Amino acid sequence: TIYRRLKAILDEDCIFYNKWIRFEDSSGTHFAQPDIFIICPSKIFLLEVKRTQTLEAELQLKYLYRPLLEHLFPSKEIFCIQVCKNLRARPRNEINALREARDPSIIYTYHCLGEIFNV
């Protein structure tokens, strides 16, 4: 649903959906698959989509996907956003549109209830 909505309002060439990233570290070769990332001229919006808010999503964003995208796109700021339909707890950093994400050091939560998705 989120990907379909983004395709309807953004240039499809800047949206990457379930794109596999191959990387190597001291323990060998690995693969990661961020849900969605949107490449803009000076920044990237990195979205992890979950039905229900989870700590796991924040950990994936912070410790796996963000470092990979920082390596691939060193000149761009990366804004991490967990998009979820159901909340388990009141988010510390809730946004109602992607453009509200202003601090790349924060992991934001976008509470998305349906077809409407604000960029």
C-alpha atoms as a PDB file:
ATOM      1  CA  THR A   1       0.000   0.000   0.000  1.00  0.00           C
ATOM      2  CA  ILE A   2       2.745   2.464   0.923  1.00  0.00           C
ATOM      3  CA  TYR A   3       4.753   1.730  -2.216  1.00  0.00           C
ATOM      4  CA  ARG A   4       1.676   2.094  -4.447  1.00  0.00           C
ATOM      5  CA  ARG A   5       0.845   5.430  -2.839  1.00  0.00           C
ATOM      6  CA  LEU A   6       4.410   6.708  -3.212  1.00  0.00           C
ATOM      7  CA  LYS A   7       4.463   5.677  -6.897  1.00  0.00           C
ATOM      8  CA  ALA A   8       1.280   7.684  -7.421  1.00  0.00           C
ATOM      9  CA  ILE A   9       2.753  10.909  -6.017  1.00  0.00           C
ATOM     10  CA  LEU A  10       6.521  10.716  -6.708  1.00  0.00           C
ATOM     11  CA  ASP A  11       8.747  10.047  -9.681  1.00  0.00           C
ATOM     12  CA  GLU A  12       9.043   6.254  -9.797  1.00  0.00           C
ATOM     13  CA  ASP A  13      12.770   6.501 -10.677  1.00  0.00           C
ATOM     14  CA  CYS A  14      13.603   7.844  -7.205  1.00  0.00           C
ATOM     15  CA  ILE A  15      11.772   5.082  -5.272  1.00  0.00           C
ATOM     16  CA  PHE A  16      13.558   1.828  -4.504  1.00  0.00           C
ATOM     17  CA  TYR A  17      11.319  -0.962  -3.235  1.00  0.00           C
ATOM     18  CA  ASN A  18      12.721  -4.152  -1.647  1.00  0.00           C
ATOM     19  CA  LYS A  19      16.073  -3.558  -3.348  1.00  0.00           C
ATOM     20  CA  TRP A  20      18.703  -6.135  -2.367  1.00  0.00           C
ATOM     21  CA  ILE A  21      22.067  -4.792  -1.198  1.00  0.00           C
ATOM     22  CA  ARG A  22      25.065  -7.108  -1.138  1.00  0.00           C
ATOM     23  CA  PHE A  23      27.833  -6.244   1.316  1.00  0.00           C
ATOM     24  CA  GLU A  24      30.884  -7.780   2.905  1.00  0.00           C
ATOM     25  CA  ASP A  25      32.272  -7.444   6.400  1.00  0.00           C
ATOM     26  CA  SER A  26      34.760  -9.356   8.533  1.00  0.00           C
ATOM     27  CA  SER A  27      32.386 -12.320   8.807  1.00  0.00           C
ATOM     28  CA  GLY A  28      31.752 -12.692   5.067  1.00  0.00           C
ATOM     29  CA  THR A  29      29.207 -11.782   2.416  1.00  0.00           C
ATOM     30  CA  HIS A  30      25.694 -10.739   3.424  1.00  0.00           C
ATOM     31  CA  PHE A  31      22.518  -9.332   1.898  1.00  0.00           C
ATOM     32  CA  ALA A  32      20.074  -6.733   3.199  1.00  0.00           C
ATOM     33  CA  GLN A  33      16.723  -5.630   1.803  1.00  0.00           C
ATOM     34  CA  PRO A  34      15.361  -2.275   2.985  1.00  0.00           C
ATOM     35  CA  ASP A  35      11.617  -1.964   2.442  1.00  0.00           C
ATOM     36  CA  ILE A  36      11.664   1.408   0.661  1.00  0.00           C
ATOM     37  CA  PHE A  37      14.143   4.203   0.171  1.00  0.00           C
ATOM     38  CA  ILE A  38      13.518   7.419  -1.698  1.00  0.00           C
ATOM     39  CA  ILE A  39      16.474   9.233  -3.193  1.00  0.00           C
ATOM     40  CA  CYS A  40      16.119  13.016  -3.326  1.00  0.00           C
ATOM     41  CA  PRO A  41      18.759  15.537  -4.494  1.00  0.00           C
ATOM     42  CA  SER A  42      20.324  16.056  -1.051  1.00  0.00           C
ATOM     43  CA  LYS A  43      18.770  13.365   1.152  1.00  0.00           C
ATOM     44  CA  ILE A  44      17.357   9.872   1.336  1.00  0.00           C
ATOM     45  CA  PHE A  45      14.195   8.820   3.134  1.00  0.00           C
ATOM     46  CA  LEU A  46      14.635   5.267   4.408  1.00  0.00           C
ATOM     47  CA  LEU A  47      11.326   3.594   5.290  1.00  0.00           C
ATOM     48  CA  GLU A  48      10.832   0.381   7.227  1.00  0.00           C
ATOM     49  CA  VAL A  49       7.185  -0.642   6.925  1.00  0.00           C
ATOM     50  CA  LYS A  50       5.561  -2.759   9.634  1.00  0.00           C
ATOM     51  CA  ARG A  51       1.924  -3.519  10.370  1.00  0.00           C
ATOM     52  CA  THR A  52       2.660  -2.959  14.073  1.00  0.00           C
ATOM     53  CA  GLN A  53       5.314  -0.686  15.577  1.00  0.00           C
ATOM     54  CA  THR A  54       8.395  -2.649  16.689  1.00  0.00           C
ATOM     55  CA  LEU A  55      11.760  -2.014  18.254  1.00  0.00           C
ATOM     56  CA  GLU A  56      13.194  -4.413  15.645  1.00  0.00           C
ATOM     57  CA  ALA A  57      12.370  -1.925  12.876  1.00  0.00           C
ATOM     58  CA  GLU A  58      14.289   0.824  14.666  1.00  0.00           C
ATOM     59  CA  LEU A  59      17.283  -1.469  15.131  1.00  0.00           C
ATOM     60  CA  GLN A  60      17.277  -2.487  11.450  1.00  0.00           C
ATOM     61  CA  LEU A  61      17.120   1.140  10.373  1.00  0.00           C
ATOM     62  CA  LYS A  62      19.850   2.322  12.740  1.00  0.00           C
ATOM     63  CA  TYR A  63      22.342  -0.531  12.612  1.00  0.00           C
ATOM     64  CA  LEU A  64      21.883  -2.148   9.200  1.00  0.00           C
ATOM     65  CA  TYR A  65      20.143  -0.112   6.520  1.00  0.00           C
ATOM     66  CA  ARG A  66      21.361   3.394   7.425  1.00  0.00           C
ATOM     67  CA  PRO A  67      25.066   2.409   7.519  1.00  0.00           C
ATOM     68  CA  LEU A  68      24.726   0.638   4.154  1.00  0.00           C
ATOM     69  CA  LEU A  69      23.061   3.626   2.497  1.00  0.00           C
ATOM     70  CA  GLU A  70      25.588   6.013   4.096  1.00  0.00           C
ATOM     71  CA  HIS A  71      28.327   3.968   2.475  1.00  0.00           C
ATOM     72  CA  LEU A  72      26.576   3.919  -0.925  1.00  0.00           C
ATOM     73  CA  PHE A  73      25.538   7.598  -0.833  1.00  0.00           C
ATOM     74  CA  PRO A  74      28.113   9.428   1.331  1.00  0.00           C
ATOM     75  CA  SER A  75      27.015  12.915   0.260  1.00  0.00           C
ATOM     76  CA  LYS A  76      23.361  12.477   1.274  1.00  0.00           C
ATOM     77  CA  GLU A  77      21.684  12.741   4.666  1.00  0.00           C
ATOM     78  CA  ILE A  78      19.638   9.656   5.558  1.00  0.00           C
ATOM     79  CA  PHE A  79      16.315  10.089   7.357  1.00  0.00           C
ATOM     80  CA  CYS A  80      15.013   6.886   8.979  1.00  0.00           C
ATOM     81  CA  ILE A  81      11.283   6.393   9.361  1.00  0.00           C
ATOM     82  CA  GLN A  82       9.321   3.438  10.713  1.00  0.00           C
ATOM     83  CA  VAL A  83       5.935   3.400   8.994  1.00  0.00           C
ATOM     84  CA  CYS A  84       3.283   1.418  10.836  1.00  0.00           C
ATOM     85  CA  LYS A  85      -0.474   1.037  11.021  1.00  0.00           C
ATOM     86  CA  ASN A  86      -0.717  -0.064  14.652  1.00  0.00           C
ATOM     87  CA  LEU A  87       1.091   1.586  17.541  1.00  0.00           C
ATOM     88  CA  ARG A  88       2.228  -0.307  20.638  1.00  0.00           C
ATOM     89  CA  ALA A  89       3.354   2.848  22.435  1.00  0.00           C
ATOM     90  CA  ARG A  90       3.205   6.583  21.895  1.00  0.00           C
ATOM     91  CA  PRO A  91       6.068   7.412  19.488  1.00  0.00           C
ATOM     92  CA  ARG A  92       8.786   9.745  20.770  1.00  0.00           C
ATOM     93  CA  ASN A  93       9.350  11.229  17.321  1.00  0.00           C
ATOM     94  CA  GLU A  94       6.104  10.990  15.396  1.00  0.00           C
ATOM     95  CA  ILE A  95       5.694  12.716  12.044  1.00  0.00           C
ATOM     96  CA  ASN A  96       2.657  13.188   9.809  1.00  0.00           C
ATOM     97  CA  ALA A  97       4.601  13.682   6.568  1.00  0.00           C
ATOM     98  CA  LEU A  98       8.079  12.741   5.344  1.00  0.00           C
ATOM     99  CA  ARG A  99       9.056  16.414   4.995  1.00  0.00           C
ATOM    100  CA  GLU A 100       8.689  16.770   8.791  1.00  0.00           C
ATOM    101  CA  ALA A 101      11.806  14.602   9.280  1.00  0.00           C
ATOM    102  CA  ARG A 102      14.526  17.211   9.847  1.00  0.00           C
ATOM    103  CA  ASP A 103      17.167  15.560  12.028  1.00  0.00           C
ATOM    104  CA  PRO A 104      19.005  12.588  10.485  1.00  0.00           C
ATOM    105  CA  SER A 105      20.090  11.355  13.928  1.00  0.00           C
ATOM    106  CA  ILE A 106      16.468  10.636  14.940  1.00  0.00           C
ATOM    107  CA  ILE A 107      14.429   7.582  13.994  1.00  0.00           C
ATOM    108  CA  TYR A 108      10.921   8.808  13.252  1.00  0.00           C
ATOM    109  CA  THR A 109       7.584   7.019  13.377  1.00  0.00           C
ATOM    110  CA  TYR A 110       4.904   7.655  10.766  1.00  0.00           C
ATOM    111  CA  HIS A 111       1.545   6.302  11.919  1.00  0.00           C
ATOM    112  CA  CYS A 112      -0.181   5.471   8.634  1.00  0.00           C
ATOM    113  CA  LEU A 113      -3.777   4.331   8.884  1.00  0.00           C
ATOM    114  CA  GLY A 114      -4.574   3.691   5.245  1.00  0.00           C
ATOM    115  CA  GLU A 115      -4.266   4.923   1.679  1.00  0.00           C
ATOM    116  CA  ILE A 116      -3.297   8.491   2.580  1.00  0.00           C
ATOM    117  CA  PHE A 117       0.448   9.024   2.789  1.00  0.00           C
ATOM    118  CA  ASN A 118       1.862  12.533   3.123  1.00  0.00           C
ATOM    119  CA  VAL A 119       5.192  13.372   1.604  1.00  0.00           C
END
